[in-house]
Every structure is written in structure tokens, then in C-alpha cells.
Amino acid sequence: MAVIGDLALAEWIRLPRLWVAGPAVVCWLVVALGLGRRGGLALVLSVVLLIKAALLGGAQYQIDRIGCDWSAVREDRITRSADRWLSDLKYARSLVERVAEAAAGTGTLAREAAFERLKGAVAREPLEVGAVVVEADGTPFVWAGRYRLAPEAEGDSIDFRASPYYAVLEARRHLASGRTAVASLLLAADATVPDQARSLARRFEDRTGVALEVLPRGVAPDTSDVFDYLEPTADGGVRLLFSVQLRPPTQAMAYDRVFRAAVVRLSLVSLVALALVLLLARPGGFRFLAAAVPVVIAARAPLGDAFDLPAFFSPRAFFHASLGPLSA
């Protein structure tokens, strides 16, 4: 039954439909319930099969929702990602201010000790951040981290700056000695910039699947997927620092992401299940049959697209005249 379920999984990878996923889930559940009464490795295999059934069922549910109710799925993604964005932005604000405070604290140290302390303040941070302390005449005293835009000593304690390629959040501390500590955090970078993995926008997209665009003041459209970042002023008012427009994936992109993630997870869990089956099976024909299942799946299912290895899974890689229709 478990082998039948795996063969049905291969067909599901070719055609992700409910009527294909259903038999695979049923087969795995039947075997899992039967093995659950035993102990040891059989119980572990039962749990693995239940996980496989849950992964396939969940993936099919998501695919059906994307295909049949995309508008609701899109709105739900915007709502959930908006809450996550506010949390990420709050963390970024606290980080850049913390680094600015650390930079300000180096003003009374010798230069070598100041470099070491500032280097430690920006090291091991998940986001790209830089810090510099400049003299009153603009000469750098100490610095650490990375800057995408040249730091500016003049400005508010928290500020936003942008260029055609970068958007950064800055924090400043003006010291009694005349020096100024400036910390800068990379909010977003243009798509043409290759090195932006540690920007706030890219990390947000990696976690949520929703891209975002950081917009300067006065250019954001008036839509429900735009969020303004307001900063209180000394006179009790507020000022707009920047705006962010959330850009959820298209329906095709969302489908592709769910499908690829499901195939990768199911493949890994299937390998674990296969190892357990080989350990539990008695020597003989069934063990050889179980060992041949991955070969059949690899020959039948288009795994190359899911794993981004199209050349490896191409029919040309396996072609041999003696295999006949199988290799064709």
C-alpha cells in the first residue's frame, strides 16, 4: 500500500489534482494506522507516513485555494504580511538606534579600542547595518559595518534616505564633543543590485513570500496595500518618513512556490520512509521492489523543475537505446 501511495505521488507531481492526491493519502493513512499498533521502527514509519499524508493533503488544499479563490488568498497574504512587516520594522528601528548608541559610546575611547567596540556592535547582526563617528569637520573617527549611502552628520535623530538604488534608515546621536554618531540600516535595494540578501525587504520576502517596495514621501499610491511610517515630532505632530507598498506574488508565482516546496518536502520525507521500509522489510523480492520505487518516481515525475535541476532529470541524461519507451 505504501508503494502504491508513492507511485500515486509521482503522478501527483505530474498532475497536482485532488483525485490524484486522494489515493496516495489514503494508502499512507491505511499503512500508518496498521503500523501504529507495533513498536520500534514500525511506529516511527507510521509517524513518517502520517507526515507525508499531511504534507500532501496540505499542499493540495493550498493549490486548490490558489486556483479557485485567489482573490481571498491574496488579501489574506497582504493582511498577514502587513502584521509581519510592522514587527520587522520595529526590530529594524530598535537595531539601528542600538547601534547608534553603541557608536556614540565610543567617543571617549582611544581610537583602537573604539574600532573594536564598534566592530562588535555590528557583528553577527542579521540585517545589514553600518556605523560611523565623524568629527565636527566631517572627518571619520571610527567606523564599522557597511554603508550603501555616504553618511550625513546633519539630520534628525531618526531619518530616511533614498537613492535610485538604495533605501536606508538612519539614526544619529550628536555628541557634546562635536562629533556625530550615525548608524545606517539597509531597508531595500533595487532589483539590479546583486548583494541584498541582508536587506530588510529581502529577508521579509524570504519569510512571507511577499515582496515590498520602499517609497519616498509623496509618491506612494492611495491603495490598501500601502503603509505609511510616521514619526512623532517635537511639537506633538507627526511626519511621514517613508511608505511601503506590499507586492504579493502573482497567482502563477504563488502556485509555483507552493508546488515546489511541497515536492521538495515530500521527496525528503519519502527518502526517510524508504530507509525505514528497507530496514523493516524481510530479505527478498519486496525489499528490491521498495528500493526500485525512487527510480520509478525519478523516471516518471518531473523532479527537475522542483529542484532546479532540469538538465539532471532530462531524458537525455538517461537515454539509452536498450531502455526503449522507458528512456524515451
Protein backbone atom coordinates (compact mmCIF):
# COMPACT_ATOMS: atom_id res chain seq x y z
CA MET A 1 0.00 0.00 0.00
CA ALA A 2 2.81 2.42 0.84
CA VAL A 3 4.44 1.67 -2.54
CA ILE A 4 1.14 2.36 -4.30
CA GLY A 5 0.95 5.67 -2.45
CA ASP A 6 4.44 6.61 -3.64
CA LEU A 7 3.54 5.77 -7.23
CA ALA A 8 0.45 7.95 -6.88
CA LEU A 9 2.73 10.70 -5.54
CA ALA A 10 4.77 10.50 -8.75
CA GLU A 11 1.59 11.04 -10.74
CA TRP A 12 0.60 13.93 -8.47
CA ILE A 13 3.90 15.65 -9.22
CA ARG A 14 2.99 15.38 -12.90
CA LEU A 15 -0.61 16.50 -12.33
CA PRO A 16 -1.35 18.03 -8.90
CA ARG A 17 -5.06 17.33 -8.64
CA LEU A 18 -7.23 16.15 -5.75
CA TRP A 19 -8.25 12.92 -7.45
CA VAL A 20 -4.56 12.04 -7.76
CA ALA A 21 -3.57 13.10 -4.24
CA GLY A 22 -6.51 11.32 -2.61
CA PRO A 23 -5.38 7.72 -3.29
CA ALA A 24 -1.84 8.47 -2.09
CA VAL A 25 -3.11 9.96 1.17
CA VAL A 26 -5.50 7.04 1.74
CA CYS A 27 -2.76 4.46 1.14
CA TRP A 28 -0.35 6.13 3.56
CA LEU A 29 -3.04 6.51 6.23
CA VAL A 30 -4.07 2.84 5.98
CA VAL A 31 -0.48 1.66 6.33
CA ALA A 32 0.26 4.14 9.13
CA LEU A 33 -2.75 3.01 11.15
CA GLY A 34 -1.72 -0.62 10.73
CA LEU A 35 1.88 0.02 11.76
CA GLY A 36 0.90 2.22 14.67
CA ARG A 37 -0.03 -0.86 16.71
CA ARG A 38 3.54 -2.08 16.63
CA GLY A 39 6.53 -0.57 18.34
CA GLY A 40 10.06 0.41 17.44
CA LEU A 41 10.84 1.31 13.84
CA ALA A 42 7.32 0.40 12.72
CA LEU A 43 5.90 3.14 14.91
CA VAL A 44 8.46 5.61 13.54
CA LEU A 45 7.50 4.66 9.99
CA SER A 46 3.85 5.16 10.91
CA VAL A 47 4.58 8.71 12.05
CA VAL A 48 6.58 9.43 8.87
CA LEU A 49 3.71 8.21 6.69
CA LEU A 50 1.28 10.40 8.61
CA ILE A 51 3.58 13.36 7.98
CA LYS A 52 3.66 12.52 4.27
CA ALA A 53 -0.13 12.37 4.16
CA ALA A 54 -0.43 15.71 5.98
CA LEU A 55 2.12 17.38 3.67
CA LEU A 56 0.43 16.17 0.51
CA GLY A 57 -3.06 16.99 1.79
CA GLY A 58 -1.98 20.45 2.91
CA ALA A 59 -0.25 21.16 -0.40
CA GLN A 60 -3.30 20.10 -2.36
CA TYR A 61 -5.52 22.30 -0.20
CA GLN A 62 -3.27 25.32 -0.82
CA ILE A 63 -3.12 24.64 -4.55
CA ASP A 64 -6.92 24.35 -4.76
CA ARG A 65 -7.35 27.63 -2.86
CA ILE A 66 -4.90 29.44 -5.12
CA GLY A 67 -6.65 28.11 -8.20
CA CYS A 68 -10.25 28.65 -7.08
CA ASP A 69 -10.20 31.56 -4.63
CA TRP A 70 -7.13 33.61 -5.50
CA SER A 71 -8.60 36.99 -4.50
CA ALA A 72 -9.22 35.80 -0.93
CA VAL A 73 -5.78 34.16 -0.76
CA ARG A 74 -4.13 37.36 -1.98
CA GLU A 75 -5.96 39.52 0.55
CA ASP A 76 -5.11 37.11 3.36
CA ARG A 77 -1.44 37.25 2.42
CA ILE A 78 -1.43 41.03 2.44
CA THR A 79 -3.10 41.12 5.87
CA ARG A 80 -0.74 38.60 7.46
CA SER A 81 2.36 40.06 5.83
CA ALA A 82 1.38 43.58 6.96
CA ASP A 83 1.47 42.47 10.60
CA ARG A 84 4.84 40.82 9.99
CA TRP A 85 6.18 43.94 8.30
CA LEU A 86 5.29 46.13 11.26
CA SER A 87 7.08 43.70 13.56
CA ASP A 88 10.17 43.57 11.32
CA LEU A 89 10.27 47.35 11.00
CA LYS A 90 10.03 47.74 14.76
CA TYR A 91 13.03 45.44 15.14
CA ALA A 92 14.97 47.35 12.46
CA ARG A 93 14.25 50.63 14.23
CA SER A 94 15.47 49.28 17.57
CA LEU A 95 18.57 47.78 15.92
CA VAL A 96 19.70 50.96 14.15
CA GLU A 97 19.16 53.02 17.30
CA ARG A 98 21.03 50.49 19.41
CA VAL A 99 23.98 50.63 17.01
CA ALA A 100 23.86 54.43 17.05
CA GLU A 101 24.01 54.40 20.86
CA ALA A 102 26.95 52.00 20.75
CA ALA A 103 28.73 54.28 18.29
CA ALA A 104 28.08 57.30 20.50
CA GLY A 105 29.60 55.42 23.43
CA THR A 106 32.94 55.15 21.64
CA GLY A 107 33.52 58.90 21.72
CA THR A 108 35.53 58.78 24.95
CA LEU A 109 37.67 55.77 23.97
CA ALA A 110 41.03 55.61 22.30
CA ARG A 111 40.69 55.09 18.57
CA GLU A 112 41.86 51.47 18.52
CA ALA A 113 39.52 50.50 21.37
CA ALA A 114 36.69 52.43 19.66
CA PHE A 115 37.17 50.43 16.47
CA GLU A 116 36.95 47.15 18.37
CA ARG A 117 33.81 48.14 20.25
CA LEU A 118 32.06 49.43 17.14
CA LYS A 119 33.02 46.32 15.21
CA GLY A 120 31.45 44.17 17.91
CA ALA A 121 28.27 46.27 17.84
CA VAL A 122 27.54 45.49 14.18
CA ALA A 123 28.94 41.95 14.05
CA ARG A 124 26.58 38.96 13.77
CA GLU A 125 23.54 41.14 13.11
CA PRO A 126 21.03 39.52 10.72
CA LEU A 127 20.43 42.79 8.89
CA GLU A 128 22.99 44.88 7.03
CA VAL A 129 23.94 47.77 9.30
CA GLY A 130 26.86 50.18 9.48
CA ALA A 131 28.04 52.81 11.93
CA VAL A 132 30.44 55.73 11.83
CA VAL A 133 31.51 58.51 14.17
CA VAL A 134 32.53 61.71 12.39
CA GLU A 135 34.33 64.76 13.71
CA ALA A 136 32.76 68.22 13.60
CA ASP A 137 34.53 68.87 10.28
CA GLY A 138 33.19 65.65 8.77
CA THR A 139 36.36 63.57 9.15
CA PRO A 140 35.57 59.95 10.14
CA PHE A 141 36.86 58.99 13.59
CA VAL A 142 35.82 55.30 13.69
CA TRP A 143 33.59 53.15 11.52
CA ALA A 144 32.33 49.58 11.11
CA GLY A 145 29.87 47.59 9.05
CA ARG A 146 28.67 48.62 5.62
CA TYR A 147 27.21 51.80 4.17
CA ARG A 148 25.29 51.95 0.89
CA LEU A 149 24.91 55.74 1.05
CA ALA A 150 27.55 58.13 2.35
CA PRO A 151 26.58 59.01 5.95
CA GLU A 152 25.36 62.53 6.67
CA ALA A 153 26.02 64.11 10.05
CA GLU A 154 23.23 66.67 9.68
CA GLY A 155 19.71 65.49 10.24
CA ASP A 156 17.13 64.24 12.72
CA SER A 157 17.79 61.53 15.28
CA ILE A 158 15.89 59.08 13.09
CA ASP A 159 15.73 59.63 9.36
CA PHE A 160 15.10 58.04 5.98
CA ARG A 161 17.27 58.46 2.90
CA ALA A 162 16.95 57.01 -0.57
CA SER A 163 18.69 56.91 -3.93
CA PRO A 164 17.62 55.22 -7.19
CA TYR A 165 19.27 52.03 -5.88
CA TYR A 166 19.03 52.05 -2.09
CA ALA A 167 16.70 52.96 0.75
CA VAL A 168 18.21 53.23 4.24
CA LEU A 169 17.04 54.02 7.75
CA GLU A 170 19.47 56.20 9.73
CA ALA A 171 19.83 57.05 13.41
CA ARG A 172 22.03 59.90 14.66
CA ARG A 173 23.43 60.94 18.00
CA HIS A 174 25.04 64.38 18.34
CA LEU A 175 27.77 64.29 20.99
CA ALA A 176 28.89 67.08 23.32
CA SER A 177 32.39 66.85 21.83
CA GLY A 178 31.04 67.98 18.47
CA ARG A 179 31.22 64.52 16.96
CA THR A 180 28.19 62.79 15.43
CA ALA A 181 27.43 59.07 15.52
CA VAL A 182 25.49 57.80 12.52
CA ALA A 183 24.06 54.29 12.12
CA SER A 184 22.55 53.12 8.84
CA LEU A 185 20.39 50.07 8.09
CA LEU A 186 19.60 48.84 4.58
CA LEU A 187 15.83 48.77 4.13
CA ALA A 188 15.74 47.79 0.46
CA ALA A 189 17.78 47.72 -2.73
CA ASP A 190 16.86 47.89 -6.39
CA ALA A 191 16.35 44.58 -8.18
CA THR A 192 19.50 45.23 -10.23
CA VAL A 193 21.65 45.20 -7.06
CA PRO A 194 23.12 41.69 -6.67
CA ASP A 195 24.13 41.80 -3.00
CA GLN A 196 20.98 42.49 -0.99
CA ALA A 197 20.35 39.28 0.95
CA ARG A 198 20.63 41.11 4.31
CA SER A 199 18.29 43.96 3.44
CA LEU A 200 15.11 44.18 5.48
CA ALA A 201 12.95 43.89 2.35
CA ARG A 202 14.67 40.75 1.06
CA ARG A 203 14.55 38.96 4.42
CA PHE A 204 10.88 39.89 4.70
CA GLU A 205 10.17 38.44 1.24
CA ASP A 206 12.05 35.24 2.07
CA ARG A 207 9.89 34.72 5.16
CA THR A 208 6.48 35.73 3.81
CA GLY A 209 6.69 35.27 0.04
CA VAL A 210 5.51 38.89 -0.34
CA ALA A 211 7.78 41.47 -1.92
CA LEU A 212 7.70 45.12 -0.93
CA GLU A 213 8.76 48.44 -2.37
CA VAL A 214 10.02 51.25 -0.14
CA LEU A 215 8.75 54.60 -1.44
CA PRO A 216 9.91 58.13 -0.53
CA ARG A 217 7.49 60.71 0.75
CA GLY A 218 4.75 61.84 -1.61
CA VAL A 219 4.98 59.15 -4.32
CA ALA A 220 3.01 56.23 -2.81
CA PRO A 221 -0.38 55.46 -4.41
CA ASP A 222 -3.53 55.63 -2.30
CA THR A 223 -4.29 51.90 -2.07
CA SER A 224 -4.97 49.42 0.73
CA ASP A 225 -1.61 47.69 0.29
CA VAL A 226 0.40 50.85 1.06
CA PHE A 227 1.52 51.53 4.64
CA ASP A 228 3.00 54.81 5.87
CA TYR A 229 5.71 55.02 8.51
CA LEU A 230 5.01 58.07 10.67
CA GLU A 231 7.44 59.56 13.18
CA PRO A 232 6.31 61.82 16.07
CA THR A 233 7.77 65.33 16.06
CA ALA A 234 8.81 67.58 18.93
CA ASP A 235 5.75 69.81 18.53
CA GLY A 236 3.35 66.90 19.05
CA GLY A 237 2.65 66.24 15.39
CA VAL A 238 3.88 63.51 13.06
CA ARG A 239 5.99 63.43 9.94
CA LEU A 240 6.00 60.87 7.18
CA LEU A 241 9.38 59.17 6.85
CA PHE A 242 8.54 56.78 4.01
CA SER A 243 5.87 54.46 2.68
CA VAL A 244 5.89 50.76 1.85
CA GLN A 245 3.80 49.04 -0.81
CA LEU A 246 3.33 45.30 -0.38
CA ARG A 247 3.50 43.30 -3.59
CA PRO A 248 2.19 39.75 -3.15
CA PRO A 249 3.16 37.21 -5.82
CA THR A 250 1.04 36.64 -8.87
CA GLN A 251 -1.28 33.66 -8.93
CA ALA A 252 1.15 31.69 -11.09
CA MET A 253 4.09 32.51 -8.82
CA ALA A 254 2.15 31.55 -5.69
CA TYR A 255 1.14 28.24 -7.27
CA ASP A 256 4.71 27.52 -8.31
CA ARG A 257 6.12 28.27 -4.84
CA VAL A 258 3.62 26.03 -3.06
CA PHE A 259 4.14 23.21 -5.55
CA ARG A 260 7.94 23.36 -5.47
CA ALA A 261 8.08 23.50 -1.67
CA ALA A 262 5.69 20.54 -1.42
CA VAL A 263 7.69 18.42 -3.87
CA VAL A 264 10.96 19.08 -2.03
CA ARG A 265 9.48 18.27 1.38
CA LEU A 266 7.66 15.18 0.18
CA SER A 267 10.81 13.92 -1.55
CA LEU A 268 12.87 14.27 1.62
CA VAL A 269 10.24 12.59 3.80
CA SER A 270 9.87 9.83 1.21
CA LEU A 271 13.59 9.09 1.42
CA VAL A 272 13.27 8.74 5.20
CA ALA A 273 10.27 6.45 4.78
CA LEU A 274 12.14 4.36 2.21
CA ALA A 275 15.08 3.87 4.57
CA LEU A 276 12.71 2.70 7.31
CA VAL A 277 10.92 0.34 4.92
CA LEU A 278 14.22 -1.23 3.85
CA LEU A 279 15.18 -1.75 7.49
CA LEU A 280 11.84 -3.34 8.35
CA ALA A 281 11.35 -5.44 5.21
CA ARG A 282 12.44 -9.05 5.16
CA PRO A 283 15.12 -10.02 2.65
CA GLY A 284 13.53 -10.90 -0.64
CA GLY A 285 11.52 -9.55 -3.51
CA PHE A 286 9.65 -6.85 -1.58
CA ARG A 287 12.87 -5.19 -0.46
CA PHE A 288 14.05 -4.99 -4.08
CA LEU A 289 10.63 -3.65 -5.11
CA ALA A 290 10.78 -0.91 -2.46
CA ALA A 291 14.32 0.04 -3.48
CA ALA A 292 13.17 0.44 -7.10
CA VAL A 293 10.38 2.92 -6.21
CA PRO A 294 12.64 6.04 -6.20
CA VAL A 295 13.95 5.08 -9.65
CA VAL A 296 10.39 4.80 -10.97
CA ILE A 297 9.44 8.14 -9.41
CA ALA A 298 12.52 9.87 -10.82
CA ALA A 299 11.76 8.48 -14.28
CA ARG A 300 8.06 9.35 -14.13
CA ALA A 301 7.84 12.61 -12.15
CA PRO A 302 9.30 15.93 -13.43
CA LEU A 303 11.53 16.45 -10.39
CA GLY A 304 14.00 18.64 -12.28
CA ASP A 305 11.68 21.66 -12.23
CA ALA A 306 11.06 21.42 -8.49
CA PHE A 307 14.74 21.03 -7.60
CA ASP A 308 16.00 23.47 -10.27
CA LEU A 309 17.98 20.65 -11.87
CA PRO A 310 16.34 20.34 -15.30
CA ALA A 311 19.47 19.02 -17.03
CA PHE A 312 19.99 16.22 -14.49
CA PHE A 313 16.42 14.95 -14.86
CA SER A 314 16.28 15.47 -18.61
CA PRO A 315 15.53 12.35 -20.69
CA ARG A 316 18.85 12.94 -22.45
CA ALA A 317 20.68 12.17 -19.21
CA PHE A 318 19.16 8.66 -19.11
CA PHE A 319 18.77 7.91 -22.79
CA HIS A 320 19.92 4.54 -23.98
CA ALA A 321 18.50 2.59 -26.88
CA SER A 322 18.13 -0.60 -24.83
CA LEU A 323 15.68 1.06 -22.43
CA GLY A 324 13.16 1.69 -25.18
CA PRO A 325 9.95 3.52 -24.18
CA LEU A 326 11.11 3.98 -20.57
CA SER A 327 14.01 6.24 -21.51
CA ALA A 328 12.01 7.96 -24.24
